[in-house]
Amino acid sequence: MADIIFYHNPMSRGQIARWALEEAGADYEQVLLDYGTSMKDAAYLKYNPMGKVPCIVHQTDAGEQVVTEAAAICAYLADAYPAANLAPTDAERADYYRWLFYAAGPVEQAVSARSMGWAATDPQKQGMLGFGCYDQVMDTLDGVIGDGRIYICGDRFTMADVYFGSHIDWGLMFGSIDKRPSFEAYAARLKERPAYQKAKAIDGALIAEAQAKSAG
């Protein structure tokens, strides 16, 4: 039996967790869930009451460890598989956590709000929002990866790049973030990674298979 059971749907943020698992070199087995059916089944809700994916269940000497939320899964895997060298050094720790959680908070909120057509134009109301406004978030992102650094923590790839980079990559693909030179250059670097390519190939095949079944 694999060390990790990975609950997943290829048309979800589970793609982030897949990439993280591949980068970590984890021994995992996937369990594919469908929206509205198996995701809401009691057998899965005991792991994630939200009935959403991704979720990993890691069998350890300390017992069964359940982790949901893509950012948390990324951080957990970096610590659980130290040989992969994806966790931050002492010098990288501040940037690692700062921008990992910035992507999970303000970036996610700003992109979601824009997609839903929600916008606060009043500066006072913007001040009540964790992300302020969409343009402010885009400028902040540009400042992070447009200042000459190669990766989030500098010259070395870490697990923070899996999560932060997934937002950039998806945003460019689906038009939910601006197409800026710094974003496109950063995404291009990430796409060169073997673990990224392997993860995308697996999920791409799963999506194609599901679409073929629907068409048939």
C-alpha atoms as a PDB file:
ATOM      1  CA  MET A   1       0.000   0.000   0.000  1.00  0.00           C
ATOM      2  CA  ALA A   2       1.247   3.487  -0.837  1.00  0.00           C
ATOM      3  CA  ASP A   3       2.324   5.858   1.928  1.00  0.00           C
ATOM      4  CA  ILE A   4      -0.172   8.496   0.772  1.00  0.00           C
ATOM      5  CA  ILE A   5      -3.728   8.238  -0.526  1.00  0.00           C
ATOM      6  CA  PHE A   6      -4.425  11.206  -2.769  1.00  0.00           C
ATOM      7  CA  TYR A   7      -8.107  12.148  -3.173  1.00  0.00           C
ATOM      8  CA  HIS A   8      -8.441  14.046  -6.391  1.00  0.00           C
ATOM      9  CA  ASN A   9     -10.373  15.231  -9.412  1.00  0.00           C
ATOM     10  CA  PRO A  10      -8.230  16.345 -12.367  1.00  0.00           C
ATOM     11  CA  MET A  11     -10.517  19.339 -12.985  1.00  0.00           C
ATOM     12  CA  SER A  12      -9.668  20.895  -9.637  1.00  0.00           C
ATOM     13  CA  ARG A  13      -6.972  22.465  -7.482  1.00  0.00           C
ATOM     14  CA  GLY A  14      -5.886  18.891  -6.973  1.00  0.00           C
ATOM     15  CA  GLN A  15      -3.525  19.515  -9.874  1.00  0.00           C
ATOM     16  CA  ILE A  16      -1.463  21.613  -7.474  1.00  0.00           C
ATOM     17  CA  ALA A  17      -1.243  18.731  -5.007  1.00  0.00           C
ATOM     18  CA  ARG A  18      -0.328  16.306  -7.809  1.00  0.00           C
ATOM     19  CA  TRP A  19       2.589  18.513  -8.813  1.00  0.00           C
ATOM     20  CA  ALA A  20       3.655  18.800  -5.163  1.00  0.00           C
ATOM     21  CA  LEU A  21       3.529  15.024  -4.729  1.00  0.00           C
ATOM     22  CA  GLU A  22       5.665  14.519  -7.820  1.00  0.00           C
ATOM     23  CA  GLU A  23       8.198  17.142  -6.722  1.00  0.00           C
ATOM     24  CA  ALA A  24       8.426  15.494  -3.297  1.00  0.00           C
ATOM     25  CA  GLY A  25       8.932  12.053  -4.822  1.00  0.00           C
ATOM     26  CA  ALA A  26       6.124  10.720  -2.645  1.00  0.00           C
ATOM     27  CA  ASP A  27       4.821   7.165  -2.884  1.00  0.00           C
ATOM     28  CA  TYR A  28       1.120   7.813  -3.473  1.00  0.00           C
ATOM     29  CA  GLU A  29      -2.037   6.215  -4.765  1.00  0.00           C
ATOM     30  CA  GLN A  30      -4.822   8.312  -6.274  1.00  0.00           C
ATOM     31  CA  VAL A  31      -8.513   7.976  -5.572  1.00  0.00           C
ATOM     32  CA  LEU A  32     -10.581   9.857  -8.132  1.00  0.00           C
ATOM     33  CA  LEU A  33     -13.775  11.495  -6.900  1.00  0.00           C
ATOM     34  CA  ASP A  34     -16.682  12.997  -8.815  1.00  0.00           C
ATOM     35  CA  TYR A  35     -18.341  16.310  -8.029  1.00  0.00           C
ATOM     36  CA  GLY A  36     -21.659  16.014  -6.256  1.00  0.00           C
ATOM     37  CA  THR A  37     -21.458  12.235  -5.770  1.00  0.00           C
ATOM     38  CA  SER A  38     -18.393  10.544  -4.289  1.00  0.00           C
ATOM     39  CA  MET A  39     -17.029  13.882  -3.049  1.00  0.00           C
ATOM     40  CA  LYS A  40     -20.127  14.183  -0.864  1.00  0.00           C
ATOM     41  CA  ASP A  41     -20.155  10.570   0.287  1.00  0.00           C
ATOM     42  CA  ALA A  42     -19.787   9.920   4.020  1.00  0.00           C
ATOM     43  CA  ALA A  43     -16.677   7.824   3.396  1.00  0.00           C
ATOM     44  CA  TYR A  44     -14.893  10.927   2.082  1.00  0.00           C
ATOM     45  CA  LEU A  45     -16.558  13.567   4.249  1.00  0.00           C
ATOM     46  CA  LYS A  46     -14.869  12.044   7.281  1.00  0.00           C
ATOM     47  CA  TYR A  47     -11.613  13.325   5.776  1.00  0.00           C
ATOM     48  CA  ASN A  48     -12.879  16.627   4.410  1.00  0.00           C
ATOM     49  CA  PRO A  49     -16.272  17.814   5.708  1.00  0.00           C
ATOM     50  CA  MET A  50     -16.263  20.438   2.939  1.00  0.00           C
ATOM     51  CA  GLY A  51     -16.615  17.653   0.374  1.00  0.00           C
ATOM     52  CA  LYS A  52     -13.873  19.134  -1.788  1.00  0.00           C
ATOM     53  CA  VAL A  53     -10.517  18.038  -3.147  1.00  0.00           C
ATOM     54  CA  PRO A  54      -7.582  17.812  -2.887  1.00  0.00           C
ATOM     55  CA  CYS A  55      -6.945  15.815   0.246  1.00  0.00           C
ATOM     56  CA  ILE A  56      -4.082  13.556   1.221  1.00  0.00           C
ATOM     57  CA  VAL A  57      -4.072  10.859   3.878  1.00  0.00           C
ATOM     58  CA  HIS A  58      -0.544  10.004   4.957  1.00  0.00           C
ATOM     59  CA  GLN A  59       0.188   6.835   6.892  1.00  0.00           C
ATOM     60  CA  THR A  60       3.004   7.585   9.355  1.00  0.00           C
ATOM     61  CA  ASP A  61       4.489   6.117  12.516  1.00  0.00           C
ATOM     62  CA  ALA A  62       2.428   8.714  14.398  1.00  0.00           C
ATOM     63  CA  GLY A  63      -0.757   7.488  12.754  1.00  0.00           C
ATOM     64  CA  GLU A  64      -2.988   8.673   9.943  1.00  0.00           C
ATOM     65  CA  GLN A  65      -2.302  12.288   8.971  1.00  0.00           C
ATOM     66  CA  VAL A  66      -5.053  14.072   7.002  1.00  0.00           C
ATOM     67  CA  VAL A  67      -4.237  17.271   5.121  1.00  0.00           C
ATOM     68  CA  THR A  68      -6.639  19.321   3.015  1.00  0.00           C
ATOM     69  CA  GLU A  69      -6.177  22.708   1.281  1.00  0.00           C
ATOM     70  CA  ALA A  70      -3.625  22.826  -1.523  1.00  0.00           C
ATOM     71  CA  ALA A  71      -1.295  25.286   0.191  1.00  0.00           C
ATOM     72  CA  ALA A  72      -1.246  23.199   3.375  1.00  0.00           C
ATOM     73  CA  ILE A  73      -0.580  20.044   1.356  1.00  0.00           C
ATOM     74  CA  CYS A  74       2.388  21.729  -0.336  1.00  0.00           C
ATOM     75  CA  ALA A  75       3.893  22.876   2.965  1.00  0.00           C
ATOM     76  CA  TYR A  76       3.247  19.505   4.609  1.00  0.00           C
ATOM     77  CA  LEU A  77       4.909  17.528   1.812  1.00  0.00           C
ATOM     78  CA  ALA A  78       7.985  19.754   1.860  1.00  0.00           C
ATOM     79  CA  ASP A  79       8.449  18.894   5.544  1.00  0.00           C
ATOM     80  CA  ALA A  80       7.441  15.222   5.234  1.00  0.00           C
ATOM     81  CA  TYR A  81       9.950  14.537   2.440  1.00  0.00           C
ATOM     82  CA  PRO A  82      13.104  16.445   3.456  1.00  0.00           C
ATOM     83  CA  ALA A  83      15.258  14.554   0.960  1.00  0.00           C
ATOM     84  CA  ALA A  84      13.497  16.434  -1.849  1.00  0.00           C
ATOM     85  CA  ASN A  85      15.012  19.674  -0.494  1.00  0.00           C
ATOM     86  CA  LEU A  86      11.833  21.700  -1.050  1.00  0.00           C
ATOM     87  CA  ALA A  87      11.468  23.212   2.430  1.00  0.00           C
ATOM     88  CA  PRO A  88      13.053  26.600   3.135  1.00  0.00           C
ATOM     89  CA  THR A  89      16.438  27.224   4.653  1.00  0.00           C
ATOM     90  CA  ASP A  90      16.622  29.672   7.553  1.00  0.00           C
ATOM     91  CA  ALA A  91      17.489  32.456   5.135  1.00  0.00           C
ATOM     92  CA  GLU A  92      14.551  31.580   2.858  1.00  0.00           C
ATOM     93  CA  ARG A  93      11.913  31.001   5.528  1.00  0.00           C
ATOM     94  CA  ALA A  94      10.437  34.518   5.566  1.00  0.00           C
ATOM     95  CA  ASP A  95       9.918  34.739   1.806  1.00  0.00           C
ATOM     96  CA  TYR A  96       8.741  31.127   1.655  1.00  0.00           C
ATOM     97  CA  TYR A  97       5.888  31.552   4.123  1.00  0.00           C
ATOM     98  CA  ARG A  98       5.119  35.135   3.214  1.00  0.00           C
ATOM     99  CA  TRP A  99       4.443  34.455  -0.441  1.00  0.00           C
ATOM    100  CA  LEU A 100       2.999  30.963  -0.003  1.00  0.00           C
ATOM    101  CA  PHE A 101       0.270  32.411   2.202  1.00  0.00           C
ATOM    102  CA  TYR A 102      -0.072  35.553   0.103  1.00  0.00           C
ATOM    103  CA  ALA A 103      -1.010  33.306  -2.823  1.00  0.00           C
ATOM    104  CA  ALA A 104      -3.422  31.319  -0.651  1.00  0.00           C
ATOM    105  CA  GLY A 105      -5.055  34.481   0.700  1.00  0.00           C
ATOM    106  CA  PRO A 106      -5.042  37.787  -1.228  1.00  0.00           C
ATOM    107  CA  VAL A 107      -4.260  36.273  -4.649  1.00  0.00           C
ATOM    108  CA  GLU A 108      -6.976  33.616  -4.391  1.00  0.00           C
ATOM    109  CA  GLN A 109      -9.478  36.188  -3.100  1.00  0.00           C
ATOM    110  CA  ALA A 110      -8.654  38.830  -5.692  1.00  0.00           C
ATOM    111  CA  VAL A 111      -8.916  36.424  -8.625  1.00  0.00           C
ATOM    112  CA  SER A 112     -12.136  34.874  -7.296  1.00  0.00           C
ATOM    113  CA  ALA A 113     -13.736  38.269  -6.686  1.00  0.00           C
ATOM    114  CA  ARG A 114     -12.876  39.433 -10.194  1.00  0.00           C
ATOM    115  CA  SER A 115     -14.224  36.225 -11.714  1.00  0.00           C
ATOM    116  CA  MET A 116     -17.493  36.743  -9.832  1.00  0.00           C
ATOM    117  CA  GLY A 117     -17.724  40.373 -10.872  1.00  0.00           C
ATOM    118  CA  TRP A 118     -17.246  41.687  -7.336  1.00  0.00           C
ATOM    119  CA  ALA A 119     -15.261  44.871  -6.855  1.00  0.00           C
ATOM    120  CA  ALA A 120     -14.969  47.453  -4.099  1.00  0.00           C
ATOM    121  CA  THR A 121     -14.147  50.845  -5.565  1.00  0.00           C
ATOM    122  CA  ASP A 122     -14.408  52.794  -2.329  1.00  0.00           C
ATOM    123  CA  PRO A 123     -10.900  53.014  -0.763  1.00  0.00           C
ATOM    124  CA  GLN A 124     -12.398  52.510   2.698  1.00  0.00           C
ATOM    125  CA  LYS A 125     -14.122  49.305   1.637  1.00  0.00           C
ATOM    126  CA  GLN A 126     -10.966  48.130  -0.109  1.00  0.00           C
ATOM    127  CA  GLY A 127      -9.198  48.597   3.213  1.00  0.00           C
ATOM    128  CA  MET A 128     -11.627  46.113   4.781  1.00  0.00           C
ATOM    129  CA  LEU A 129     -10.621  43.435   2.265  1.00  0.00           C
ATOM    130  CA  GLY A 130      -7.524  41.337   2.769  1.00  0.00           C
ATOM    131  CA  PHE A 131      -6.524  41.787  -0.871  1.00  0.00           C
ATOM    132  CA  GLY A 132      -7.456  45.454  -1.287  1.00  0.00           C
ATOM    133  CA  CYS A 133      -8.156  45.377  -5.005  1.00  0.00           C
ATOM    134  CA  TYR A 134      -7.234  43.219  -7.995  1.00  0.00           C
ATOM    135  CA  ASP A 135      -4.804  45.713  -9.557  1.00  0.00           C
ATOM    136  CA  GLN A 136      -2.938  46.092  -6.282  1.00  0.00           C
ATOM    137  CA  VAL A 137      -2.505  42.324  -6.073  1.00  0.00           C
ATOM    138  CA  MET A 138      -1.237  42.107  -9.664  1.00  0.00           C
ATOM    139  CA  ASP A 139       1.287  44.874  -9.012  1.00  0.00           C
ATOM    140  CA  THR A 140       2.433  43.086  -5.855  1.00  0.00           C
ATOM    141  CA  LEU A 141       2.927  39.820  -7.745  1.00  0.00           C
ATOM    142  CA  ASP A 142       4.849  41.665 -10.433  1.00  0.00           C
ATOM    143  CA  GLY A 143       7.062  43.154  -7.760  1.00  0.00           C
ATOM    144  CA  VAL A 144       7.839  39.738  -6.304  1.00  0.00           C
ATOM    145  CA  ILE A 145       8.834  37.875  -9.460  1.00  0.00           C
ATOM    146  CA  GLY A 146       9.766  40.895 -11.535  1.00  0.00           C
ATOM    147  CA  ASP A 147      12.623  42.050  -9.302  1.00  0.00           C
ATOM    148  CA  GLY A 148      15.239  39.785 -10.844  1.00  0.00           C
ATOM    149  CA  ARG A 149      14.711  36.742  -8.647  1.00  0.00           C
ATOM    150  CA  ILE A 150      14.355  33.401 -10.418  1.00  0.00           C
ATOM    151  CA  TYR A 151      12.112  31.740  -7.849  1.00  0.00           C
ATOM    152  CA  ILE A 152      10.126  32.881  -4.829  1.00  0.00           C
ATOM    153  CA  CYS A 153      13.033  32.389  -2.420  1.00  0.00           C
ATOM    154  CA  GLY A 154      15.698  33.577  -4.834  1.00  0.00           C
ATOM    155  CA  ASP A 155      17.772  31.285  -7.015  1.00  0.00           C
ATOM    156  CA  ARG A 156      16.451  28.000  -5.558  1.00  0.00           C
ATOM    157  CA  PHE A 157      13.147  26.284  -6.341  1.00  0.00           C
ATOM    158  CA  THR A 158      11.085  25.459  -3.238  1.00  0.00           C
ATOM    159  CA  MET A 159       7.606  24.141  -2.554  1.00  0.00           C
ATOM    160  CA  ALA A 160       6.399  27.742  -2.352  1.00  0.00           C
ATOM    161  CA  ASP A 161       6.903  27.902  -6.105  1.00  0.00           C
ATOM    162  CA  VAL A 162       4.533  24.971  -6.615  1.00  0.00           C
ATOM    163  CA  TYR A 163       1.654  26.803  -4.984  1.00  0.00           C
ATOM    164  CA  PHE A 164       2.502  30.379  -5.951  1.00  0.00           C
ATOM    165  CA  GLY A 165       3.471  29.269  -9.445  1.00  0.00           C
ATOM    166  CA  SER A 166       0.254  27.302  -9.946  1.00  0.00           C
ATOM    167  CA  HIS A 167      -1.747  30.497  -9.492  1.00  0.00           C
ATOM    168  CA  ILE A 168       0.393  32.276 -12.058  1.00  0.00           C
ATOM    169  CA  ASP A 169       0.289  29.360 -14.484  1.00  0.00           C
ATOM    170  CA  TRP A 170      -3.473  28.851 -14.242  1.00  0.00           C
ATOM    171  CA  GLY A 171      -4.148  32.571 -14.294  1.00  0.00           C
ATOM    172  CA  LEU A 172      -2.278  32.985 -17.562  1.00  0.00           C
ATOM    173  CA  MET A 173      -3.974  29.937 -19.052  1.00  0.00           C
ATOM    174  CA  PHE A 174      -7.520  30.998 -18.171  1.00  0.00           C
ATOM    175  CA  GLY A 175      -7.102  34.771 -18.385  1.00  0.00           C
ATOM    176  CA  SER A 176      -7.780  35.390 -14.699  1.00  0.00           C
ATOM    177  CA  ILE A 177      -4.543  37.316 -14.193  1.00  0.00           C
ATOM    178  CA  ASP A 178      -2.811  39.898 -16.363  1.00  0.00           C
ATOM    179  CA  LYS A 179      -0.335  38.770 -18.994  1.00  0.00           C
ATOM    180  CA  ARG A 180       2.806  40.488 -17.819  1.00  0.00           C
ATOM    181  CA  PRO A 181       6.349  39.657 -18.948  1.00  0.00           C
ATOM    182  CA  SER A 182       7.448  38.699 -15.435  1.00  0.00           C
ATOM    183  CA  PHE A 183       4.503  36.312 -15.036  1.00  0.00           C
ATOM    184  CA  GLU A 184       5.091  34.635 -18.387  1.00  0.00           C
ATOM    185  CA  ALA A 185       8.838  34.242 -17.811  1.00  0.00           C
ATOM    186  CA  TYR A 186       8.287  32.739 -14.354  1.00  0.00           C
ATOM    187  CA  ALA A 187       5.641  30.312 -15.631  1.00  0.00           C
ATOM    188  CA  ALA A 188       7.944  29.251 -18.467  1.00  0.00           C
ATOM    189  CA  ARG A 189      10.675  28.348 -15.965  1.00  0.00           C
ATOM    190  CA  LEU A 190       8.275  26.233 -13.941  1.00  0.00           C
ATOM    191  CA  LYS A 191       7.037  24.364 -17.000  1.00  0.00           C
ATOM    192  CA  GLU A 192      10.570  23.104 -17.626  1.00  0.00           C
ATOM    193  CA  ARG A 193      10.536  21.070 -14.424  1.00  0.00           C
ATOM    194  CA  PRO A 194      10.184  17.286 -14.981  1.00  0.00           C
ATOM    195  CA  ALA A 195       7.776  16.920 -12.034  1.00  0.00           C
ATOM    196  CA  TYR A 196       5.521  19.634 -13.477  1.00  0.00           C
ATOM    197  CA  GLN A 197       5.500  17.934 -16.859  1.00  0.00           C
ATOM    198  CA  LYS A 198       4.800  14.506 -15.379  1.00  0.00           C
ATOM    199  CA  ALA A 199       1.951  15.793 -13.206  1.00  0.00           C
ATOM    200  CA  LYS A 200       0.345  17.691 -16.085  1.00  0.00           C
ATOM    201  CA  ALA A 201       0.620  14.679 -18.383  1.00  0.00           C
ATOM    202  CA  ILE A 202      -1.150  12.438 -15.857  1.00  0.00           C
ATOM    203  CA  ASP A 203      -3.993  14.884 -15.258  1.00  0.00           C
ATOM    204  CA  GLY A 204      -4.224  15.778 -18.931  1.00  0.00           C
ATOM    205  CA  ALA A 205      -4.762  12.118 -19.764  1.00  0.00           C
ATOM    206  CA  LEU A 206      -7.424  11.790 -17.056  1.00  0.00           C
ATOM    207  CA  ILE A 207      -9.269  14.851 -18.363  1.00  0.00           C
ATOM    208  CA  ALA A 208      -9.128  13.572 -21.944  1.00  0.00           C
ATOM    209  CA  GLU A 209     -10.444  10.200 -20.830  1.00  0.00           C
ATOM    210  CA  ALA A 210     -13.344  11.800 -18.950  1.00  0.00           C
ATOM    211  CA  GLN A 211     -14.208  14.008 -21.920  1.00  0.00           C
ATOM    212  CA  ALA A 212     -14.165  11.007 -24.259  1.00  0.00           C
ATOM    213  CA  LYS A 213     -16.570   9.147 -21.985  1.00  0.00           C
ATOM    214  CA  SER A 214     -18.904  12.150 -21.853  1.00  0.00           C
ATOM    215  CA  ALA A 215     -18.838  12.515 -25.636  1.00  0.00           C
ATOM    216  CA  GLY A 216     -19.491   8.815 -26.134  1.00  0.00           C
END
